[in-house]
PDB file of N, CA and C in Angstrom:
ATOM      1  N   MET A   1     112.970 136.020  78.200  1.00  0.00           N
ATOM      2  CA  MET A   1     114.343 134.996  78.518  1.00  0.00           C
ATOM      3  C   MET A   1     113.648 134.148  79.861  1.00  0.00           C
ATOM      4  N   SER A   2     114.009 133.053  79.782  1.00  0.00           N
ATOM      5  CA  SER A   2     113.505 132.198  81.297  1.00  0.00           C
ATOM      6  C   SER A   2     114.998 131.989  82.146  1.00  0.00           C
ATOM      7  N   ALA A   3     114.268 131.821  83.328  1.00  0.00           N
ATOM      8  CA  ALA A   3     115.214 131.687  84.496  1.00  0.00           C
ATOM      9  C   ALA A   3     115.143 130.182  85.139  1.00  0.00           C
ATOM     10  N   ILE A   4     115.860 129.556  85.862  1.00  0.00           N
ATOM     11  CA  ILE A   4     115.740 128.487  87.193  1.00  0.00           C
ATOM     12  C   ILE A   4     114.934 129.623  88.114  1.00  0.00           C
ATOM     13  N   ARG A   5     114.318 129.249  88.559  1.00  0.00           N
ATOM     14  CA  ARG A   5     113.729 130.210  89.967  1.00  0.00           C
ATOM     15  C   ARG A   5     113.945 128.972  91.092  1.00  0.00           C
ATOM     16  N   SER A   6     114.294 129.233  92.277  1.00  0.00           N
ATOM     17  CA  SER A   6     114.037 128.219  93.668  1.00  0.00           C
ATOM     18  C   SER A   6     112.676 128.355  94.176  1.00  0.00           C
ATOM     19  N   PRO A   7     112.170 127.192  94.320  1.00  0.00           N
ATOM     20  CA  PRO A   7     110.701 127.162  94.489  1.00  0.00           C
ATOM     21  C   PRO A   7     110.264 127.280  96.172  1.00  0.00           C
ATOM     22  N   ARG A   8     111.271 127.275  96.780  1.00  0.00           N
ATOM     23  CA  ARG A   8     111.490 127.275  98.224  1.00  0.00           C
ATOM     24  C   ARG A   8     110.850 128.815  98.872  1.00  0.00           C
ATOM     25  N   PRO A   9     110.975 129.829  98.249  1.00  0.00           N
ATOM     26  CA  PRO A   9     109.971 130.915  98.600  1.00  0.00           C
ATOM     27  C   PRO A   9     108.513 130.951  98.603  1.00  0.00           C
ATOM     28  N   PHE A  10     108.132 129.623  97.757  1.00  0.00           N
ATOM     29  CA  PHE A  10     106.676 129.633  97.434  1.00  0.00           C
ATOM     30  C   PHE A  10     105.977 128.522  98.003  1.00  0.00           C
ATOM     31  N   ALA A  11     106.918 127.679  98.624  1.00  0.00           N
ATOM     32  CA  ALA A  11     106.481 126.366  99.228  1.00  0.00           C
ATOM     33  C   ALA A  11     105.480 126.674 100.627  1.00  0.00           C
ATOM     34  N   VAL A  12     104.591 125.768 100.324  1.00  0.00           N
ATOM     35  CA  VAL A  12     103.834 125.660 101.744  1.00  0.00           C
ATOM     36  C   VAL A  12     103.310 123.968 102.037  1.00  0.00           C
ATOM     37  N   GLY A  13     103.183 124.299 103.675  1.00  0.00           N
ATOM     38  CA  GLY A  13     102.741 122.816 104.237  1.00  0.00           C
ATOM     39  C   GLY A  13     104.017 121.833 103.849  1.00  0.00           C
ATOM     40  N   SER A  14     103.634 120.598 103.539  1.00  0.00           N
ATOM     41  CA  SER A  14     104.971 119.336 103.555  1.00  0.00           C
ATOM     42  C   SER A  14     105.983 119.736 103.066  1.00  0.00           C
ATOM     43  N   ILE A  15     105.768 120.553 101.948  1.00  0.00           N
ATOM     44  CA  ILE A  15     107.056 120.705 100.943  1.00  0.00           C
ATOM     45  C   ILE A  15     107.829 121.678 101.725  1.00  0.00           C
ATOM     46  N   ALA A  16     107.140 122.643 102.273  1.00  0.00           N
ATOM     47  CA  ALA A  16     108.013 123.765 103.032  1.00  0.00           C
ATOM     48  C   ALA A  16     108.765 122.976 104.446  1.00  0.00           C
ATOM     49  N   GLU A  17     108.138 122.298 104.836  1.00  0.00           N
ATOM     50  CA  GLU A  17     108.487 121.555 106.063  1.00  0.00           C
ATOM     51  C   GLU A  17     109.802 120.760 105.311  1.00  0.00           C
ATOM     52  N   THR A  18     109.811 119.970 104.243  1.00  0.00           N
ATOM     53  CA  THR A  18     110.772 119.193 103.893  1.00  0.00           C
ATOM     54  C   THR A  18     112.022 119.775 103.573  1.00  0.00           C
ATOM     55  N   PHE A  19     111.698 121.333 102.624  1.00  0.00           N
ATOM     56  CA  PHE A  19     112.940 122.244 102.480  1.00  0.00           C
ATOM     57  C   PHE A  19     113.634 122.513 103.805  1.00  0.00           C
ATOM     58  N   ALA A  20     112.601 122.954 104.826  1.00  0.00           N
ATOM     59  CA  ALA A  20     113.316 123.412 106.098  1.00  0.00           C
ATOM     60  C   ALA A  20     113.885 122.155 106.875  1.00  0.00           C
ATOM     61  N   ARG A  21     113.291 120.647 106.708  1.00  0.00           N
ATOM     62  CA  ARG A  21     114.327 119.681 107.588  1.00  0.00           C
ATOM     63  C   ARG A  21     115.450 119.423 106.563  1.00  0.00           C
ATOM     64  N   TYR A  22     115.545 119.403 105.319  1.00  0.00           N
ATOM     65  CA  TYR A  22     116.716 119.253 104.244  1.00  0.00           C
ATOM     66  C   TYR A  22     117.057 120.603 103.932  1.00  0.00           C
ATOM     67  N   ALA A  23     117.793 121.009 104.260  1.00  0.00           N
ATOM     68  CA  ALA A  23     117.998 122.586 103.709  1.00  0.00           C
ATOM     69  C   ALA A  23     119.413 122.641 102.921  1.00  0.00           C
ATOM     70  N   ARG A  24     120.176 121.406 103.067  1.00  0.00           N
ATOM     71  CA  ARG A  24     121.202 121.779 102.530  1.00  0.00           C
ATOM     72  C   ARG A  24     121.271 121.235 100.832  1.00  0.00           C
ATOM     73  N   ASP A  25     122.017 121.500  99.908  1.00  0.00           N
ATOM     74  CA  ASP A  25     121.907 121.038  98.555  1.00  0.00           C
ATOM     75  C   ASP A  25     122.116 119.515  98.312  1.00  0.00           C
ATOM     76  N   CYS A  26     121.982 118.993  97.136  1.00  0.00           N
ATOM     77  CA  CYS A  26     122.125 117.449  97.037  1.00  0.00           C
ATOM     78  C   CYS A  26     123.584 117.141  96.661  1.00  0.00           C
ATOM     79  N   ASP A  27     123.636 115.965  97.089  1.00  0.00           N
ATOM     80  CA  ASP A  27     125.105 115.114  96.336  1.00  0.00           C
ATOM     81  C   ASP A  27     124.776 114.589  94.976  1.00  0.00           C
ATOM     82  N   VAL A  28     123.979 114.024  94.931  1.00  0.00           N
ATOM     83  CA  VAL A  28     123.502 113.263  93.676  1.00  0.00           C
ATOM     84  C   VAL A  28     122.125 113.517  93.180  1.00  0.00           C
ATOM     85  N   VAL A  29     121.684 113.374  91.477  1.00  0.00           N
ATOM     86  CA  VAL A  29     120.377 113.345  90.974  1.00  0.00           C
ATOM     87  C   VAL A  29     119.800 112.064  90.915  1.00  0.00           C
ATOM     88  N   VAL A  30     118.867 111.433  91.506  1.00  0.00           N
ATOM     89  CA  VAL A  30     118.346 110.043  91.327  1.00  0.00           C
ATOM     90  C   VAL A  30     117.484 110.349  90.315  1.00  0.00           C
ATOM     91  N   ARG A  31     117.643 109.731  89.140  1.00  0.00           N
ATOM     92  CA  ARG A  31     116.571 110.446  87.860  1.00  0.00           C
ATOM     93  C   ARG A  31     115.778 109.122  88.166  1.00  0.00           C
ATOM     94  N   GLY A  32     114.313 109.369  87.895  1.00  0.00           N
ATOM     95  CA  GLY A  32     112.757 108.665  88.317  1.00  0.00           C
ATOM     96  C   GLY A  32     112.540 108.777  87.126  1.00  0.00           C
ATOM     97  N   THR A  33     112.886 108.678  85.805  1.00  0.00           N
ATOM     98  CA  THR A  33     112.161 108.890  84.449  1.00  0.00           C
ATOM     99  C   THR A  33     113.032 107.974  83.569  1.00  0.00           C
ATOM    100  N   PRO A  34     112.576 107.999  82.443  1.00  0.00           N
ATOM    101  CA  PRO A  34     113.083 106.850  81.382  1.00  0.00           C
ATOM    102  C   PRO A  34     114.102 107.803  80.176  1.00  0.00           C
ATOM    103  N   ILE A  35     113.423 108.806  80.567  1.00  0.00           N
ATOM    104  CA  ILE A  35     114.245 109.294  79.740  1.00  0.00           C
ATOM    105  C   ILE A  35     115.743 110.150  80.034  1.00  0.00           C
ATOM    106  N   ASP A  36     116.473 110.551  79.050  1.00  0.00           N
ATOM    107  CA  ASP A  36     118.374 110.783  79.271  1.00  0.00           C
ATOM    108  C   ASP A  36     118.206 112.438  80.068  1.00  0.00           C
ATOM    109  N   LEU A  37     117.951 112.635  81.125  1.00  0.00           N
ATOM    110  CA  LEU A  37     117.661 113.802  81.812  1.00  0.00           C
ATOM    111  C   LEU A  37     118.931 114.631  81.749  1.00  0.00           C
ATOM    112  N   ALA A  38     120.142 114.230  81.543  1.00  0.00           N
ATOM    113  CA  ALA A  38     121.534 114.789  81.269  1.00  0.00           C
ATOM    114  C   ALA A  38     121.442 115.357  79.924  1.00  0.00           C
ATOM    115  N   ARG A  39     120.368 114.788  79.099  1.00  0.00           N
ATOM    116  CA  ARG A  39     120.653 115.532  77.764  1.00  0.00           C
ATOM    117  C   ARG A  39     119.499 116.892  77.838  1.00  0.00           C
ATOM    118  N   LEU A  40     118.825 117.206  78.778  1.00  0.00           N
ATOM    119  CA  LEU A  40     117.993 117.761  79.050  1.00  0.00           C
ATOM    120  C   LEU A  40     118.181 119.086  79.726  1.00  0.00           C
ATOM    121  N   ILE A  41     118.939 118.607  80.988  1.00  0.00           N
ATOM    122  CA  ILE A  41     119.382 119.969  82.130  1.00  0.00           C
ATOM    123  C   ILE A  41     120.892 119.712  82.313  1.00  0.00           C
ATOM    124  N   ARG A  42     121.188 120.657  82.690  1.00  0.00           N
ATOM    125  CA  ARG A  42     122.708 120.685  83.119  1.00  0.00           C
ATOM    126  C   ARG A  42     123.036 120.727  84.548  1.00  0.00           C
ATOM    127  N   SER A  43     123.708 119.772  85.281  1.00  0.00           N
ATOM    128  CA  SER A  43     123.564 120.008  86.614  1.00  0.00           C
ATOM    129  C   SER A  43     125.324 119.735  86.881  1.00  0.00           C
ATOM    130  N   ARG A  44     125.157 120.248  88.071  1.00  0.00           N
ATOM    131  CA  ARG A  44     126.742 120.357  88.620  1.00  0.00           C
ATOM    132  C   ARG A  44     127.043 119.126  89.762  1.00  0.00           C
ATOM    133  N   HIS A  45     125.898 118.181  89.423  1.00  0.00           N
ATOM    134  CA  HIS A  45     126.003 117.116  90.411  1.00  0.00           C
ATOM    135  C   HIS A  45     125.727 115.952  89.560  1.00  0.00           C
ATOM    136  N   PRO A  46     126.300 114.586  89.838  1.00  0.00           N
ATOM    137  CA  PRO A  46     126.019 113.395  88.937  1.00  0.00           C
ATOM    138  C   PRO A  46     124.518 113.466  88.654  1.00  0.00           C
ATOM    139  N   ILE A  47     124.050 112.722  87.685  1.00  0.00           N
ATOM    140  CA  ILE A  47     122.839 112.218  87.488  1.00  0.00           C
ATOM    141  C   ILE A  47     122.875 110.561  87.398  1.00  0.00           C
ATOM    142  N   ARG A  48     122.079 110.026  88.228  1.00  0.00           N
ATOM    143  CA  ARG A  48     122.270 108.436  88.200  1.00  0.00           C
ATOM    144  C   ARG A  48     120.991 107.775  88.133  1.00  0.00           C
ATOM    145  N   HIS A  49     120.769 107.015  87.437  1.00  0.00           N
ATOM    146  CA  HIS A  49     119.477 106.078  86.964  1.00  0.00           C
ATOM    147  C   HIS A  49     119.813 104.792  87.844  1.00  0.00           C
ATOM    148  N   PRO A  50     118.613 104.433  88.970  1.00  0.00           N
ATOM    149  CA  PRO A  50     118.484 103.353  89.411  1.00  0.00           C
ATOM    150  C   PRO A  50     118.033 102.106  88.734  1.00  0.00           C
ATOM    151  N   THR A  51     118.539 101.168  89.048  1.00  0.00           N
ATOM    152  CA  THR A  51     117.997  99.916  88.217  1.00  0.00           C
ATOM    153  C   THR A  51     116.969  99.096  89.753  1.00  0.00           C
ATOM    154  N   TYR A  52     116.354  98.380  88.915  1.00  0.00           N
ATOM    155  CA  TYR A  52     115.586  97.490  90.059  1.00  0.00           C
ATOM    156  C   TYR A  52     115.120  96.321  89.336  1.00  0.00           C
ATOM    157  N   ARG A  53     114.844  95.341  89.999  1.00  0.00           N
ATOM    158  CA  ARG A  53     114.422  93.803  89.615  1.00  0.00           C
ATOM    159  C   ARG A  53     112.908  93.544  90.331  1.00  0.00           C
ATOM    160  N   LEU A  54     112.016  93.531  89.953  1.00  0.00           N
ATOM    161  CA  LEU A  54     110.577  92.901  90.633  1.00  0.00           C
ATOM    162  C   LEU A  54     110.326  91.640  90.786  1.00  0.00           C
ATOM    163  N   GLU A  55     110.180  91.229  92.001  1.00  0.00           N
ATOM    164  CA  GLU A  55     110.460  89.745  92.359  1.00  0.00           C
ATOM    165  C   GLU A  55     109.145  89.597  92.981  1.00  0.00           C
ATOM    166  N   GLU A  56     108.215  88.739  92.493  1.00  0.00           N
ATOM    167  CA  GLU A  56     106.717  88.667  93.140  1.00  0.00           C
ATOM    168  C   GLU A  56     106.938  87.615  94.228  1.00  0.00           C
ATOM    169  N   ALA A  57     106.476  88.007  95.392  1.00  0.00           N
ATOM    170  CA  ALA A  57     106.678  86.819  96.312  1.00  0.00           C
ATOM    171  C   ALA A  57     105.531  86.278  96.926  1.00  0.00           C
ATOM    172  N   GLY A  58     104.541  86.614  96.099  1.00  0.00           N
ATOM    173  CA  GLY A  58     103.161  85.657  96.708  1.00  0.00           C
ATOM    174  C   GLY A  58     102.275  86.492  96.986  1.00  0.00           C
ATOM    175  N   GLY A  59     101.026  86.412  97.403  1.00  0.00           N
ATOM    176  CA  GLY A  59     100.165  87.205  97.135  1.00  0.00           C
ATOM    177  C   GLY A  59      99.461  87.503  96.047  1.00  0.00           C
ATOM    178  N   VAL A  60      99.044  88.786  95.998  1.00  0.00           N
ATOM    179  CA  VAL A  60      98.594  89.354  94.717  1.00  0.00           C
ATOM    180  C   VAL A  60      99.377  89.553  93.447  1.00  0.00           C
ATOM    181  N   LEU A  61      99.356  89.017  92.196  1.00  0.00           N
ATOM    182  CA  LEU A  61     100.328  89.175  91.338  1.00  0.00           C
ATOM    183  C   LEU A  61     100.252  90.760  90.781  1.00  0.00           C
ATOM    184  N   LEU A  62     101.178  91.671  90.440  1.00  0.00           N
ATOM    185  CA  LEU A  62     101.115  92.874  89.817  1.00  0.00           C
ATOM    186  C   LEU A  62     100.293  92.712  88.981  1.00  0.00           C
ATOM    187  N   ALA A  63     100.195  91.813  87.712  1.00  0.00           N
ATOM    188  CA  ALA A  63      99.131  91.659  86.824  1.00  0.00           C
ATOM    189  C   ALA A  63      97.888  91.675  87.119  1.00  0.00           C
ATOM    190  N   ASP A  64      97.456  90.750  88.060  1.00  0.00           N
ATOM    191  CA  ASP A  64      96.238  90.621  88.353  1.00  0.00           C
ATOM    192  C   ASP A  64      95.805  92.050  88.942  1.00  0.00           C
ATOM    193  N   ALA A  65      96.698  92.703  89.946  1.00  0.00           N
ATOM    194  CA  ALA A  65      96.028  93.657  90.388  1.00  0.00           C
ATOM    195  C   ALA A  65      95.621  95.055  89.632  1.00  0.00           C
ATOM    196  N   LEU A  66      96.897  94.982  88.380  1.00  0.00           N
ATOM    197  CA  LEU A  66      96.244  95.885  87.210  1.00  0.00           C
ATOM    198  C   LEU A  66      95.559  95.501  86.406  1.00  0.00           C
ATOM    199  N   GLU A  67      94.684  94.449  86.256  1.00  0.00           N
ATOM    200  CA  GLU A  67      93.796  93.952  85.545  1.00  0.00           C
ATOM    201  C   GLU A  67      92.473  94.756  85.696  1.00  0.00           C
ATOM    202  N   PRO A  68      92.095  95.328  86.134  1.00  0.00           N
ATOM    203  CA  PRO A  68      90.962  96.029  86.408  1.00  0.00           C
ATOM    204  C   PRO A  68      90.916  97.454  85.992  1.00  0.00           C
ATOM    205  N   ILE A  69      92.357  98.012  86.117  1.00  0.00           N
ATOM    206  CA  ILE A  69      92.457  99.468  85.668  1.00  0.00           C
ATOM    207  C   ILE A  69      93.031  99.306  84.263  1.00  0.00           C
ATOM    208  N   VAL A  70      93.512  98.378  83.689  1.00  0.00           N
ATOM    209  CA  VAL A  70      93.650  98.060  82.549  1.00  0.00           C
ATOM    210  C   VAL A  70      92.207  97.813  81.639  1.00  0.00           C
ATOM    211  N   ALA A  71      91.514  97.183  82.340  1.00  0.00           N
ATOM    212  CA  ALA A  71      90.109  97.054  81.197  1.00  0.00           C
ATOM    213  C   ALA A  71      89.662  97.912  81.316  1.00  0.00           C
ATOM    214  N   ALA A  72      89.423  99.074  82.503  1.00  0.00           N
ATOM    215  CA  ALA A  72      88.622 100.432  82.269  1.00  0.00           C
ATOM    216  C   ALA A  72      89.237 101.175  81.493  1.00  0.00           C
ATOM    217  N   ALA A  73      90.438 101.236  81.169  1.00  0.00           N
ATOM    218  CA  ALA A  73      91.227 102.004  80.346  1.00  0.00           C
ATOM    219  C   ALA A  73      90.908 101.799  78.862  1.00  0.00           C
ATOM    220  N   GLY A  74      90.405 100.434  78.446  1.00  0.00           N
ATOM    221  CA  GLY A  74      90.257 100.161  77.395  1.00  0.00           C
ATOM    222  C   GLY A  74      90.920  98.832  76.846  1.00  0.00           C
ATOM    223  N   GLY A  75      91.111  98.159  77.564  1.00  0.00           N
ATOM    224  CA  GLY A  75      91.783  96.910  77.361  1.00  0.00           C
ATOM    225  C   GLY A  75      93.202  96.779  77.127  1.00  0.00           C
ATOM    226  N   VAL A  76      93.724  97.703  76.914  1.00  0.00           N
ATOM    227  CA  VAL A  76      95.067  97.652  76.871  1.00  0.00           C
ATOM    228  C   VAL A  76      96.084  96.975  77.928  1.00  0.00           C
ATOM    229  N   ARG A  77      96.942  96.016  77.214  1.00  0.00           N
ATOM    230  CA  ARG A  77      97.190  94.772  78.283  1.00  0.00           C
ATOM    231  C   ARG A  77      98.654  95.187  78.395  1.00  0.00           C
ATOM    232  N   PRO A  78      99.173  95.272  79.809  1.00  0.00           N
ATOM    233  CA  PRO A  78     100.630  95.826  80.132  1.00  0.00           C
ATOM    234  C   PRO A  78     101.679  94.796  79.445  1.00  0.00           C
ATOM    235  N   LEU A  79     102.924  95.805  79.515  1.00  0.00           N
ATOM    236  CA  LEU A  79     103.823  95.267  78.809  1.00  0.00           C
ATOM    237  C   LEU A  79     104.324  93.547  79.638  1.00  0.00           C
ATOM    238  N   GLY A  80     104.432  92.792  78.616  1.00  0.00           N
ATOM    239  CA  GLY A  80     104.949  91.701  78.989  1.00  0.00           C
ATOM    240  C   GLY A  80     103.953  90.662  79.306  1.00  0.00           C
ATOM    241  N   ALA A  81     102.761  91.191  79.262  1.00  0.00           N
ATOM    242  CA  ALA A  81     101.126  90.170  79.851  1.00  0.00           C
ATOM    243  C   ALA A  81     101.018  89.342  78.410  1.00  0.00           C
ATOM    244  N   VAL A  82     100.691  88.379  78.708  1.00  0.00           N
ATOM    245  CA  VAL A  82     100.211  87.318  77.564  1.00  0.00           C
ATOM    246  C   VAL A  82      98.597  87.219  77.409  1.00  0.00           C
TER     247      VAL A  82
END
């Protein structure tokens, strides 16, 4: 049978420092994944999904910055690219 274990006793370096600095429990879970996390885990805290909008303000465009990476990956175009 599996159990949820605290990572705190095993943390080292910057992760241990972060646990020490922010010792209290959370108030909300901010979902950083496209899946519905609430369907996979139970949480006593509300699970929220942030929204955002990308507004390119000049300089290098995101599509241009990704172009060499996409080309190296086999030429798959990013979503929304023409």
